[in-house]
Amino acid sequence: MTATPQAAPDLIVVSRRIHPLTEQKTQELNAIAVTDGIISALGNASDVVPLAGEHTQLIELPGTLVPAFTDAHAHPIMSLSMARGADLSGCCSLDEVVVALRAEAEQQGPDDWVLGWGLDPNLFVTGGISNQVLVDALGEERKAYVTLFDAHSAIVSPAALAVAGIDSARTWPSGSSVVVDAQGRPTGHLIEFEAMSQAQAHLPEQGLDEEVAALHELLAAMAAQGIAEVHVMDMNHPRTHELLTAAEAQGPLPVKLRISPWCTPALSDEQCAELITIQGDGGARWRVEGVKFFIDGTVEGGTAWLETPDTKGESTASAWGEIGAYARRVAQLHAASVPTATHAIGERGIREVVQTLAALPSNGVQHRIEHIESVPRPVIDQLAAAGIAASMQPTHCTHYTKADGSDDWSTRLGRDRAARAWCTRDVLDAGAILALGSDFPVAPYPVLPIMADAQLRRPVHDSSAAPILPEQAITAAEALAGFTTGPQRAIGRSGGTLAVGAAASFTVLDVDPLRVAPEELAEGQVLLTVSDGLITYRAH
């Protein structure tokens, strides 16, 4: 047993086994003690339990204890406004979308907006994305706004277009656009954030109390999946500080939040300097750390940055116009010791970001790239050699692409580029840091099914689906590391392990993630989650 001499522990947890993800032998471990939020003992129950004092809470569970999970890329705060109304993520046809939207409309008043989210663009492959499905569901006169699954595009009804004053084509330097038909009439499809904001400005606002309650509910649900921390890749909620301050006034956040605000081409020098100033701001369980960039958009929206156009002649430009503007902003933040995370989807965008980050002088700041959907192996090798972390989301591959290439993402990229889809195996084999996440609300946040998909390279709950590039599968141990040690390394920290003196963040599962088949792992349940010594979830 290892222990530190101090007062009696606040908490002792006894399980069947512990995987500390360190060099310590697992067979020797089945009990952990926590004092003041720190692991104070780790060993066999016969040695740890006697440390208990009068006020020690003792919990015995028939499961496997592992470090708590960190979702390396999610948008829980943004989801409060985005994931409103009908959840369309499970709809497999436009007919199902119509049914879901009508059901949502029945719960609203006749003049209220009908909202939805999670709509899969693959449902529009044959006819093109337009608001016709909204008209079919609700008629011409109902205001409706539906976010597509990627959160980078939306469809709005004819009535909503009128309210927002959207009546013609419009483009922005970032690649955002109002899509129009051959006659110049808006189709209802809004691509990227500037275009979407034209309609979003007219959506009904939520009250602060409503958002506080929703945030606590969401974070509690994440804790119930073993998540203790989330790397939040935005801070564009108009009142983030007010929201989080109010939320913490009602009690500790069930999940710690590391928040990286956006740096866009539209920001002035003064606004970028402010991003440096606010680093470290926060509360008891949230902090502003790092800055988020976008070098491009999405393949499905035609706004990724590819070396050559996609099959529709799109995805040819950077969101920053020219790479020098992005490079100057990154260098400014790097010199101020601010870590960056850059959304890069297409192979040109990824290559340019890798080269930009690799050229920075070494100063110990850890940078990372988000998504990395399709890129040649030599660029991955360069990423690894430069020490850049790869933050990837396995279910983007398994939920939205198909092995036969018939999905929208693969069709747009073409066979050669689609054959480089989410190359997690190549990232690890190159020696790079791999951090895994969900990108919620783009995809579901439960960790165990994501870990299963990463091993199978197909949706774990669809055994009939062919695996997508099965040679890119990762092992059970690598998947677990992707949600524990990987996210910590991706922000330049050691952690995601269990050792005396470390923060007491762990979860107990009713399955052993290193010993069961992926299908069984996906059905596993969380029995307990502890975040910095705070019990944030316990199954009943």
Protein backbone atom coordinates (compact mmCIF):
# COMPACT_ATOMS: atom_id res chain seq x y z
CA MET A 1 0.00 0.00 0.00
CA THR A 2 1.04 3.59 -0.62
CA ALA A 3 -0.25 6.30 1.70
CA THR A 4 0.56 9.70 3.06
CA PRO A 5 0.55 10.28 6.84
CA GLN A 6 -2.35 12.63 7.61
CA ALA A 7 -5.78 12.83 9.19
CA ALA A 8 -8.39 10.12 8.70
CA PRO A 9 -9.73 10.06 5.11
CA ASP A 10 -12.98 11.75 4.17
CA LEU A 11 -13.83 8.89 1.80
CA ILE A 12 -12.72 5.31 1.21
CA VAL A 13 -13.95 3.36 -1.80
CA VAL A 14 -13.47 -0.40 -2.06
CA SER A 15 -13.97 -2.07 -5.44
CA ARG A 16 -13.10 -5.37 -7.11
CA ARG A 17 -10.02 -3.96 -8.80
CA ILE A 18 -8.38 -0.66 -9.67
CA HIS A 19 -6.64 0.30 -12.89
CA PRO A 20 -4.50 3.28 -11.85
CA LEU A 21 -2.96 3.69 -15.32
CA THR A 22 0.46 3.91 -13.69
CA GLU A 23 3.23 1.38 -13.24
CA GLN A 24 1.65 0.08 -10.03
CA LYS A 25 0.39 -3.49 -10.36
CA THR A 26 -3.38 -3.68 -10.70
CA GLN A 27 -3.73 -6.98 -8.83
CA GLU A 28 -2.53 -5.30 -5.65
CA LEU A 29 -5.18 -2.58 -5.71
CA ASN A 30 -8.85 -2.55 -4.79
CA ALA A 31 -9.24 0.36 -2.36
CA ILE A 32 -8.65 4.10 -2.48
CA ALA A 33 -8.77 6.76 0.23
CA VAL A 34 -9.48 10.46 -0.25
CA THR A 35 -8.54 13.32 2.07
CA ASP A 36 -9.33 16.95 1.21
CA GLY A 37 -9.88 16.07 -2.44
CA ILE A 38 -6.53 14.28 -2.78
CA ILE A 39 -5.77 10.57 -2.98
CA SER A 40 -4.23 9.78 0.40
CA ALA A 41 -3.97 5.99 0.10
CA LEU A 42 -4.12 3.42 -2.65
CA GLY A 43 -3.80 -0.29 -2.04
CA ASN A 44 -5.52 -3.40 -0.74
CA ALA A 45 -8.72 -3.02 1.26
CA SER A 46 -7.13 -4.82 4.22
CA ASP A 47 -4.64 -1.98 4.48
CA VAL A 48 -6.76 1.01 3.42
CA VAL A 49 -10.02 0.40 5.32
CA PRO A 50 -8.34 0.51 8.76
CA LEU A 51 -7.37 4.12 7.99
CA ALA A 52 -11.04 5.13 8.35
CA GLY A 53 -11.99 7.47 11.16
CA GLU A 54 -15.27 8.27 12.80
CA HIS A 55 -16.42 10.54 9.99
CA THR A 56 -14.96 8.62 7.03
CA GLN A 57 -17.52 7.64 4.39
CA LEU A 58 -16.94 4.04 3.33
CA ILE A 59 -18.38 2.85 -0.01
CA GLU A 60 -18.03 -0.72 -1.24
CA LEU A 61 -18.92 -1.42 -4.87
CA PRO A 62 -18.72 -4.55 -7.05
CA GLY A 63 -16.97 -2.90 -9.95
CA THR A 64 -13.74 -1.69 -11.54
CA LEU A 65 -12.31 1.67 -10.47
CA VAL A 66 -10.49 3.76 -13.08
CA PRO A 67 -9.52 7.42 -13.41
CA ALA A 68 -12.54 9.60 -14.10
CA PHE A 69 -13.15 10.52 -17.71
CA THR A 70 -12.36 13.84 -19.35
CA ASP A 71 -14.30 14.72 -22.50
CA ALA A 72 -11.63 16.53 -24.47
CA HIS A 73 -14.03 18.39 -26.76
CA ALA A 74 -17.63 19.34 -26.01
CA HIS A 75 -19.99 22.31 -25.93
CA PRO A 76 -22.18 21.93 -22.85
CA ILE A 77 -22.84 25.66 -22.46
CA MET A 78 -23.51 26.26 -26.15
CA SER A 79 -25.86 23.27 -26.08
CA LEU A 80 -28.19 25.18 -23.76
CA SER A 81 -29.22 27.34 -26.71
CA MET A 82 -28.46 24.94 -29.56
CA ALA A 83 -29.96 21.69 -28.32
CA ARG A 84 -33.47 23.06 -27.88
CA GLY A 85 -36.73 21.59 -29.10
CA ALA A 86 -37.00 18.30 -30.95
CA ASP A 87 -34.00 15.97 -30.79
CA LEU A 88 -33.75 14.82 -34.41
CA SER A 89 -30.48 12.91 -34.02
CA GLY A 90 -32.28 9.56 -34.06
CA CYS A 91 -34.32 10.28 -37.21
CA CYS A 92 -33.42 7.96 -40.07
CA SER A 93 -35.61 9.58 -42.75
CA LEU A 94 -37.19 12.92 -43.58
CA ASP A 95 -40.58 11.37 -42.84
CA GLU A 96 -39.40 10.74 -39.27
CA VAL A 97 -38.23 14.35 -39.08
CA VAL A 98 -41.71 15.52 -40.12
CA VAL A 99 -43.31 13.42 -37.38
CA ALA A 100 -40.88 14.69 -34.73
CA LEU A 101 -41.35 18.34 -35.69
CA ARG A 102 -45.12 18.03 -35.67
CA ALA A 103 -44.96 16.49 -32.21
CA GLU A 104 -42.77 19.36 -31.04
CA ALA A 105 -45.17 21.91 -32.57
CA GLU A 106 -48.10 20.40 -30.67
CA GLN A 107 -46.34 21.28 -27.42
CA GLN A 108 -45.99 24.95 -28.42
CA GLY A 109 -48.43 27.76 -28.95
CA PRO A 110 -49.47 28.51 -32.56
CA ASP A 111 -47.24 31.60 -32.71
CA ASP A 112 -44.25 30.03 -30.95
CA TRP A 113 -41.08 29.01 -32.73
CA VAL A 114 -40.59 25.31 -33.43
CA LEU A 115 -36.99 24.35 -32.72
CA GLY A 116 -34.97 21.21 -33.42
CA TRP A 117 -31.39 20.00 -33.46
CA GLY A 118 -29.18 17.08 -34.45
CA LEU A 119 -30.52 16.77 -38.01
CA ASP A 120 -28.35 14.47 -40.14
CA PRO A 121 -27.44 15.99 -43.55
CA ASN A 122 -27.24 12.47 -44.96
CA LEU A 123 -31.04 12.52 -45.07
CA PHE A 124 -30.78 15.15 -47.84
CA VAL A 125 -28.25 13.38 -50.07
CA THR A 126 -30.64 12.90 -52.99
CA GLY A 127 -32.45 16.24 -52.96
CA GLY A 128 -30.11 18.78 -51.42
CA ILE A 129 -30.54 20.54 -48.09
CA SER A 130 -33.51 22.93 -47.96
CA ASN A 131 -36.39 23.94 -45.71
CA GLN A 132 -38.92 21.86 -47.65
CA VAL A 133 -39.02 19.35 -44.80
CA LEU A 134 -40.07 22.18 -42.47
CA VAL A 135 -42.82 23.21 -44.86
CA ASP A 136 -43.99 19.60 -45.13
CA ALA A 137 -44.11 19.34 -41.35
CA LEU A 138 -45.43 22.75 -40.34
CA GLY A 139 -46.63 24.67 -43.38
CA GLU A 140 -45.42 27.98 -44.78
CA GLU A 141 -46.48 30.23 -41.91
CA ARG A 142 -44.81 28.59 -38.89
CA LYS A 143 -41.51 29.96 -37.64
CA ALA A 144 -38.99 27.13 -37.30
CA TYR A 145 -35.24 26.83 -36.81
CA VAL A 146 -33.42 23.48 -36.93
CA THR A 147 -29.69 23.02 -36.36
CA LEU A 148 -27.95 20.33 -38.39
CA PHE A 149 -25.87 17.78 -36.52
CA ASP A 150 -22.55 19.54 -37.17
CA ALA A 151 -23.69 22.76 -35.42
CA HIS A 152 -22.16 24.65 -38.37
CA SER A 153 -25.38 24.93 -40.36
CA ALA A 154 -29.13 25.17 -39.98
CA ILE A 155 -32.38 25.20 -41.91
CA VAL A 156 -35.06 27.80 -41.22
CA SER A 157 -38.64 27.99 -42.42
CA PRO A 158 -39.96 30.56 -44.91
CA ALA A 159 -41.69 32.43 -42.07
CA ALA A 160 -38.45 32.52 -40.09
CA LEU A 161 -36.56 33.83 -43.12
CA ALA A 162 -39.06 36.65 -43.37
CA VAL A 163 -38.77 37.53 -39.67
CA ALA A 164 -34.98 37.63 -39.97
CA GLY A 165 -35.09 39.69 -43.16
CA ILE A 166 -33.20 37.05 -45.13
CA ASP A 167 -34.36 37.43 -48.73
CA SER A 168 -31.27 37.07 -50.91
CA ALA A 169 -27.85 35.48 -51.19
CA ARG A 170 -25.13 36.64 -48.87
CA THR A 171 -21.60 35.53 -48.12
CA TRP A 172 -19.00 36.37 -45.50
CA PRO A 173 -15.18 36.25 -45.75
CA SER A 174 -15.10 33.24 -43.41
CA GLY A 175 -17.09 31.14 -45.92
CA SER A 176 -20.43 31.55 -44.17
CA SER A 177 -23.33 31.93 -46.57
CA VAL A 178 -27.06 32.15 -47.16
CA VAL A 179 -27.79 29.46 -49.75
CA VAL A 180 -30.13 30.36 -52.62
CA ASP A 181 -31.73 28.39 -55.46
CA ALA A 182 -31.33 28.97 -59.19
CA GLN A 183 -33.79 31.87 -59.01
CA GLY A 184 -31.86 33.56 -56.22
CA ARG A 185 -34.37 32.68 -53.50
CA PRO A 186 -33.07 31.52 -50.12
CA THR A 187 -33.52 27.78 -49.65
CA GLY A 188 -33.55 28.11 -45.86
CA HIS A 189 -30.08 26.57 -45.58
CA LEU A 190 -27.70 28.76 -43.57
CA ILE A 191 -24.05 27.72 -43.54
CA GLU A 192 -21.63 28.65 -40.74
CA PHE A 193 -22.00 30.99 -37.82
CA GLU A 194 -22.46 34.43 -39.37
CA ALA A 195 -25.35 33.27 -41.54
CA MET A 196 -26.90 31.29 -38.71
CA SER A 197 -26.72 34.30 -36.40
CA GLN A 198 -29.04 36.25 -38.70
CA ALA A 199 -31.89 33.94 -37.67
CA GLN A 200 -30.65 33.11 -34.18
CA ALA A 201 -31.02 36.75 -33.18
CA HIS A 202 -34.79 36.30 -33.41
CA LEU A 203 -35.14 33.06 -31.45
CA PRO A 204 -36.88 33.18 -28.07
CA GLU A 205 -34.46 33.80 -25.23
CA GLN A 206 -34.20 31.58 -22.17
CA GLY A 207 -34.22 33.03 -18.68
CA LEU A 208 -31.14 32.79 -16.51
CA ASP A 209 -32.85 30.54 -13.97
CA GLU A 210 -33.93 28.20 -16.76
CA GLU A 211 -30.41 27.99 -18.16
CA VAL A 212 -28.87 27.43 -14.72
CA ALA A 213 -31.23 24.54 -14.09
CA ALA A 214 -30.54 23.09 -17.54
CA LEU A 215 -26.77 23.34 -17.05
CA HIS A 216 -26.86 21.57 -13.68
CA GLU A 217 -29.08 18.87 -15.17
CA LEU A 218 -26.76 18.34 -18.14
CA LEU A 219 -23.57 18.25 -16.06
CA ALA A 220 -25.19 15.84 -13.59
CA ALA A 221 -26.08 13.57 -16.51
CA MET A 222 -22.46 13.75 -17.72
CA ALA A 223 -21.20 12.87 -14.24
CA ALA A 224 -23.50 9.84 -14.36
CA GLN A 225 -21.42 8.71 -17.37
CA GLY A 226 -18.18 8.88 -15.38
CA ILE A 227 -17.16 12.31 -16.67
CA ALA A 228 -15.38 14.56 -14.17
CA GLU A 229 -14.07 17.25 -16.53
CA VAL A 230 -14.90 18.72 -19.93
CA HIS A 231 -12.72 20.77 -22.22
CA VAL A 232 -15.31 23.33 -23.36
CA MET A 233 -14.48 24.56 -26.85
CA ASP A 234 -16.37 27.83 -26.82
CA MET A 235 -17.29 30.80 -24.68
CA ASN A 236 -19.72 32.49 -27.04
CA HIS A 237 -22.73 32.30 -24.74
CA PRO A 238 -23.59 35.99 -24.23
CA ARG A 239 -23.47 35.72 -20.44
CA THR A 240 -21.09 32.87 -19.65
CA HIS A 241 -19.68 34.43 -16.49
CA GLU A 242 -23.13 35.32 -15.17
CA LEU A 243 -24.47 31.86 -15.97
CA LEU A 244 -21.62 29.97 -14.31
CA THR A 245 -21.54 32.25 -11.29
CA ALA A 246 -25.26 31.74 -10.80
CA ALA A 247 -24.88 27.99 -11.32
CA GLU A 248 -22.16 27.71 -8.68
CA ALA A 249 -24.29 29.75 -6.28
CA GLN A 250 -26.74 26.86 -6.37
CA GLY A 251 -24.08 24.24 -5.65
CA PRO A 252 -20.85 22.75 -7.00
CA LEU A 253 -20.83 22.04 -10.72
CA PRO A 254 -21.05 18.23 -11.15
CA VAL A 255 -18.35 18.46 -13.85
CA LYS A 256 -15.28 20.71 -13.95
CA LEU A 257 -15.15 22.97 -17.01
CA ARG A 258 -11.99 24.12 -18.79
CA ILE A 259 -13.24 26.80 -21.17
CA SER A 260 -11.41 28.01 -24.30
CA PRO A 261 -13.02 31.11 -25.89
CA TRP A 262 -12.99 31.60 -29.63
CA CYS A 263 -10.51 33.72 -31.54
CA THR A 264 -11.97 34.61 -34.95
CA PRO A 265 -10.66 36.74 -37.83
CA ALA A 266 -13.18 39.43 -36.87
CA LEU A 267 -11.56 40.05 -33.47
CA SER A 268 -9.56 43.25 -33.09
CA ASP A 269 -6.09 43.48 -31.57
CA GLU A 270 -7.67 44.77 -28.36
CA GLN A 271 -10.12 41.86 -28.22
CA CYS A 272 -7.33 39.34 -28.75
CA ALA A 273 -5.34 40.98 -25.97
CA GLU A 274 -8.40 40.53 -23.77
CA LEU A 275 -8.27 36.77 -24.46
CA ILE A 276 -4.84 36.80 -22.84
CA THR A 277 -6.03 38.90 -19.92
CA ILE A 278 -8.92 36.60 -18.98
CA GLN A 279 -6.77 33.45 -18.85
CA GLY A 280 -7.23 31.89 -15.41
CA ASP A 281 -10.53 33.63 -14.71
CA GLY A 282 -13.19 31.38 -13.28
CA GLY A 283 -14.87 29.98 -10.24
CA ALA A 284 -14.57 26.99 -7.94
CA ARG A 285 -14.99 24.40 -10.71
CA TRP A 286 -14.51 26.29 -13.97
CA ARG A 287 -11.60 28.13 -15.54
CA VAL A 288 -10.81 30.01 -18.73
CA GLU A 289 -7.78 28.25 -20.18
CA GLY A 290 -6.60 28.36 -23.76
CA VAL A 291 -8.11 29.81 -26.93
CA LYS A 292 -10.05 28.11 -29.73
CA PHE A 293 -9.48 28.82 -33.44
CA PHE A 294 -11.24 27.70 -36.62
CA ILE A 295 -9.07 27.27 -39.70
CA ASP A 296 -12.03 25.91 -41.67
CA GLY A 297 -15.61 24.66 -41.33
CA THR A 298 -17.09 21.29 -42.29
CA VAL A 299 -16.96 18.88 -45.19
CA GLU A 300 -20.75 18.59 -45.26
CA GLY A 301 -21.16 22.37 -45.46
CA GLY A 302 -18.55 22.75 -48.19
CA THR A 303 -16.45 24.93 -45.89
CA ALA A 304 -13.55 22.59 -45.05
CA TRP A 305 -10.14 23.60 -46.43
CA LEU A 306 -8.99 20.97 -48.91
CA GLU A 307 -5.95 20.80 -51.16
CA THR A 308 -8.29 20.48 -54.15
CA PRO A 309 -12.04 21.10 -54.39
CA ASP A 310 -14.52 18.48 -53.22
CA THR A 311 -16.83 16.72 -55.68
CA LYS A 312 -19.17 19.76 -55.63
CA GLY A 313 -16.34 22.19 -56.30
CA GLU A 314 -16.37 23.48 -52.72
CA SER A 315 -14.16 23.48 -49.59
CA THR A 316 -11.33 25.46 -51.14
CA ALA A 317 -10.63 28.27 -48.65
CA SER A 318 -9.55 29.01 -45.10
CA ALA A 319 -11.86 30.70 -42.63
CA TRP A 320 -8.97 33.14 -42.08
CA GLY A 321 -8.54 34.09 -45.71
CA GLU A 322 -4.77 33.77 -45.73
CA ILE A 323 -2.74 31.64 -43.35
CA GLY A 324 -0.54 34.52 -42.28
CA ALA A 325 -3.36 36.18 -40.34
CA TYR A 326 -3.97 32.98 -38.41
CA ALA A 327 -0.24 32.46 -37.84
CA ARG A 328 0.18 35.96 -36.40
CA ARG A 329 -2.64 35.46 -33.90
CA VAL A 330 -1.33 32.06 -32.83
CA ALA A 331 2.17 33.49 -32.39
CA GLN A 332 0.76 36.32 -30.25
CA LEU A 333 -0.94 33.84 -27.93
CA HIS A 334 2.02 31.45 -27.93
CA ALA A 335 4.36 34.26 -26.83
CA ALA A 336 1.96 34.95 -23.97
CA SER A 337 2.05 31.24 -22.97
CA VAL A 338 -1.59 30.70 -23.95
CA PRO A 339 -2.30 27.22 -25.36
CA THR A 340 -4.41 27.01 -28.49
CA ALA A 341 -6.84 24.51 -29.96
CA THR A 342 -7.54 24.78 -33.69
CA HIS A 343 -10.52 23.25 -35.45
CA ALA A 344 -9.08 21.76 -38.66
CA ILE A 345 -11.12 19.38 -40.83
CA GLY A 346 -9.72 19.29 -44.35
CA GLU A 347 -6.25 18.12 -45.32
CA ARG A 348 -5.06 21.57 -46.47
CA GLY A 349 -6.26 23.16 -43.25
CA ILE A 350 -4.67 20.48 -41.10
CA ARG A 351 -1.38 20.70 -42.99
CA GLU A 352 -1.24 24.49 -42.71
CA VAL A 353 -2.01 24.40 -38.98
CA VAL A 354 0.59 21.71 -38.33
CA GLN A 355 3.23 23.70 -40.19
CA THR A 356 2.27 26.91 -38.39
CA LEU A 357 2.42 25.33 -34.93
CA ALA A 358 5.59 23.39 -35.71
CA ALA A 359 7.36 26.64 -36.62
CA LEU A 360 6.69 28.26 -33.23
CA PRO A 361 9.70 28.61 -30.92
CA SER A 362 9.69 26.10 -28.10
CA ASN A 363 8.43 27.59 -24.83
CA GLY A 364 6.61 24.68 -23.20
CA VAL A 365 3.12 25.66 -24.38
CA GLN A 366 1.04 22.69 -25.53
CA HIS A 367 -1.02 23.25 -28.67
CA ARG A 368 -3.61 20.93 -30.17
CA ILE A 369 -5.69 20.36 -33.29
CA GLU A 370 -9.38 19.46 -33.11
CA HIS A 371 -11.10 16.84 -35.31
CA ILE A 372 -8.44 15.96 -37.95
CA GLU A 373 -10.97 14.24 -40.17
CA SER A 374 -8.89 13.45 -43.28
CA VAL A 375 -5.17 13.94 -43.77
CA PRO A 376 -2.21 12.02 -45.27
CA ARG A 377 0.08 10.09 -42.93
CA PRO A 378 3.14 12.34 -43.50
CA VAL A 379 1.22 15.27 -41.97
CA ILE A 380 0.34 13.11 -38.97
CA ASP A 381 4.02 12.24 -38.62
CA GLN A 382 4.91 15.94 -38.68
CA LEU A 383 2.22 16.65 -36.07
CA ALA A 384 3.70 14.00 -33.80
CA ALA A 385 7.28 15.19 -34.30
CA ALA A 386 6.24 18.73 -33.36
CA GLY A 387 4.53 17.54 -30.17
CA ILE A 388 1.11 18.78 -31.26
CA ALA A 389 -1.83 16.95 -29.68
CA ALA A 390 -4.61 15.40 -31.74
CA SER A 391 -8.11 15.85 -30.30
CA MET A 392 -10.50 13.52 -32.14
CA GLN A 393 -14.05 12.23 -31.89
CA PRO A 394 -14.49 8.56 -32.91
CA THR A 395 -18.28 8.73 -33.26
CA HIS A 396 -18.05 11.45 -35.93
CA CYS A 397 -16.70 8.63 -38.05
CA THR A 398 -18.92 5.79 -36.88
CA HIS A 399 -22.20 7.72 -36.65
CA TYR A 400 -22.05 9.81 -39.82
CA THR A 401 -20.00 7.89 -42.38
CA LYS A 402 -20.37 4.45 -43.95
CA ALA A 403 -17.88 1.85 -45.07
CA ASP A 404 -19.33 1.83 -48.61
CA GLY A 405 -18.75 5.58 -49.01
CA SER A 406 -22.41 6.39 -49.68
CA ASP A 407 -22.66 9.05 -46.96
CA ASP A 408 -22.45 12.77 -47.70
CA TRP A 409 -19.02 13.24 -46.08
CA SER A 410 -17.41 10.46 -48.12
CA THR A 411 -19.20 11.42 -51.33
CA ARG A 412 -18.00 15.00 -51.10
CA LEU A 413 -14.39 14.02 -50.38
CA GLY A 414 -14.10 11.23 -52.90
CA ARG A 415 -12.67 7.76 -52.38
CA ASP A 416 -9.01 8.64 -51.77
CA ARG A 417 -9.65 11.27 -49.13
CA ALA A 418 -12.42 9.26 -47.48
CA ALA A 419 -9.90 6.43 -47.09
CA ARG A 420 -8.09 8.64 -44.55
CA ALA A 421 -11.07 9.00 -42.21
CA TRP A 422 -10.29 9.74 -38.55
CA CYS A 423 -6.96 7.88 -38.54
CA THR A 424 -6.62 7.32 -34.80
CA ARG A 425 -4.33 4.33 -35.28
CA ASP A 426 -1.94 6.37 -37.40
CA VAL A 427 -1.91 9.13 -34.78
CA LEU A 428 -0.89 6.73 -32.04
CA ASP A 429 1.58 4.83 -34.21
CA ALA A 430 3.25 8.13 -35.07
CA GLY A 431 3.77 8.75 -31.35
CA ALA A 432 1.37 11.69 -31.08
CA ILE A 433 -0.82 12.60 -28.12
CA LEU A 434 -4.41 11.41 -28.69
CA ALA A 435 -7.27 12.93 -26.70
CA LEU A 436 -10.81 11.69 -27.30
CA GLY A 437 -14.10 13.51 -26.95
CA SER A 438 -17.71 13.64 -28.01
CA ASP A 439 -18.23 17.14 -29.49
CA PHE A 440 -21.61 17.12 -27.72
CA PRO A 441 -24.23 18.16 -28.81
CA VAL A 442 -22.92 17.19 -32.26
CA ALA A 443 -22.75 13.59 -31.01
CA PRO A 444 -23.77 11.88 -27.74
CA TYR A 445 -21.48 12.23 -24.73
CA PRO A 446 -21.69 8.79 -22.99
CA VAL A 447 -18.08 7.67 -22.89
CA LEU A 448 -18.32 3.88 -22.86
CA PRO A 449 -20.08 3.62 -26.26
CA ILE A 450 -17.53 6.05 -27.73
CA MET A 451 -14.69 3.88 -26.45
CA ALA A 452 -16.43 0.84 -27.96
CA ASP A 453 -16.85 2.54 -31.35
CA ALA A 454 -13.17 3.51 -31.33
CA GLN A 455 -12.27 -0.15 -31.04
CA LEU A 456 -14.84 -1.46 -33.54
CA ARG A 457 -14.79 1.40 -36.10
CA ARG A 458 -18.56 0.98 -36.43
CA PRO A 459 -21.60 1.89 -34.32
CA VAL A 460 -21.42 -0.53 -31.40
CA HIS A 461 -25.18 -0.96 -31.36
CA ASP A 462 -25.35 -1.92 -35.06
CA SER A 463 -23.63 -5.26 -35.53
CA SER A 464 -24.75 -5.33 -39.18
CA ALA A 465 -22.70 -2.24 -40.04
CA ALA A 466 -19.39 -2.81 -41.78
CA PRO A 467 -16.38 -1.29 -39.96
CA ILE A 468 -14.97 1.90 -41.44
CA LEU A 469 -11.25 1.51 -42.07
CA PRO A 470 -10.86 -1.22 -39.43
CA GLU A 471 -7.09 -0.88 -39.64
CA GLN A 472 -7.54 2.45 -37.79
CA ALA A 473 -9.07 0.77 -34.72
CA ILE A 474 -7.42 1.35 -31.35
CA THR A 475 -7.17 -1.02 -28.39
CA ALA A 476 -9.19 -1.01 -25.19
CA ALA A 477 -6.24 0.40 -23.26
CA GLU A 478 -5.71 3.14 -25.86
CA ALA A 479 -9.39 4.06 -25.79
CA LEU A 480 -9.31 4.35 -22.01
CA ALA A 481 -6.17 6.48 -22.20
CA GLY A 482 -7.94 8.69 -24.74
CA PHE A 483 -10.43 9.73 -22.06
CA THR A 484 -8.03 9.85 -19.11
CA THR A 485 -4.32 10.53 -19.62
CA GLY A 486 -4.68 11.78 -23.21
CA PRO A 487 -6.80 14.87 -22.46
CA GLN A 488 -4.41 15.90 -19.68
CA ARG A 489 -1.37 15.53 -21.95
CA ALA A 490 -3.24 17.52 -24.61
CA ILE A 491 -3.22 20.54 -22.28
CA GLY A 492 0.36 20.04 -21.16
CA ARG A 493 -0.34 18.35 -17.86
CA SER A 494 0.38 15.00 -16.32
CA GLY A 495 -2.72 13.42 -14.86
CA GLY A 496 -5.58 11.12 -15.65
CA THR A 497 -3.96 8.53 -13.39
CA LEU A 498 -4.47 7.37 -9.81
CA ALA A 499 -1.62 7.88 -7.39
CA VAL A 500 -1.14 9.12 -3.86
CA GLY A 501 -0.97 12.90 -3.90
CA ALA A 502 -2.98 13.21 -7.13
CA ALA A 503 -6.42 14.77 -7.39
CA ALA A 504 -9.09 12.27 -6.36
CA SER A 505 -11.03 12.00 -9.62
CA PHE A 506 -12.21 8.48 -10.45
CA THR A 507 -15.17 6.44 -11.54
CA VAL A 508 -16.35 2.93 -10.72
CA LEU A 509 -17.83 0.85 -13.55
CA ASP A 510 -19.78 -2.40 -13.43
CA VAL A 511 -17.56 -3.66 -16.28
CA ASP A 512 -13.80 -3.78 -16.66
CA PRO A 513 -13.00 -1.55 -19.67
CA LEU A 514 -9.72 -3.40 -20.25
CA ARG A 515 -11.16 -6.91 -20.15
CA VAL A 516 -14.61 -6.95 -21.76
CA ALA A 517 -15.62 -6.95 -25.41
CA PRO A 518 -16.62 -3.57 -26.87
CA GLU A 519 -20.26 -4.63 -27.07
CA GLU A 520 -20.33 -5.39 -23.34
CA LEU A 521 -18.41 -2.21 -22.57
CA ALA A 522 -21.04 -0.10 -24.31
CA GLU A 523 -23.74 -1.58 -22.06
CA GLY A 524 -21.71 -0.92 -18.92
CA GLN A 525 -23.03 1.28 -16.14
CA VAL A 526 -21.33 3.83 -13.93
CA LEU A 527 -21.69 3.07 -10.23
CA LEU A 528 -19.86 6.08 -8.80
CA THR A 529 -18.12 9.24 -10.00
CA VAL A 530 -15.80 11.32 -7.83
CA SER A 531 -14.35 14.62 -9.06
CA ASP A 532 -11.59 16.17 -6.94
CA GLY A 533 -12.96 14.30 -3.93
CA LEU A 534 -16.55 15.40 -4.55
CA ILE A 535 -19.07 12.61 -5.12
CA THR A 536 -20.88 13.83 -8.22
CA TYR A 537 -22.81 10.65 -9.02
CA ARG A 538 -23.76 7.48 -7.21
CA ALA A 539 -26.05 4.82 -8.65
CA HIS A 540 -28.95 3.74 -6.50
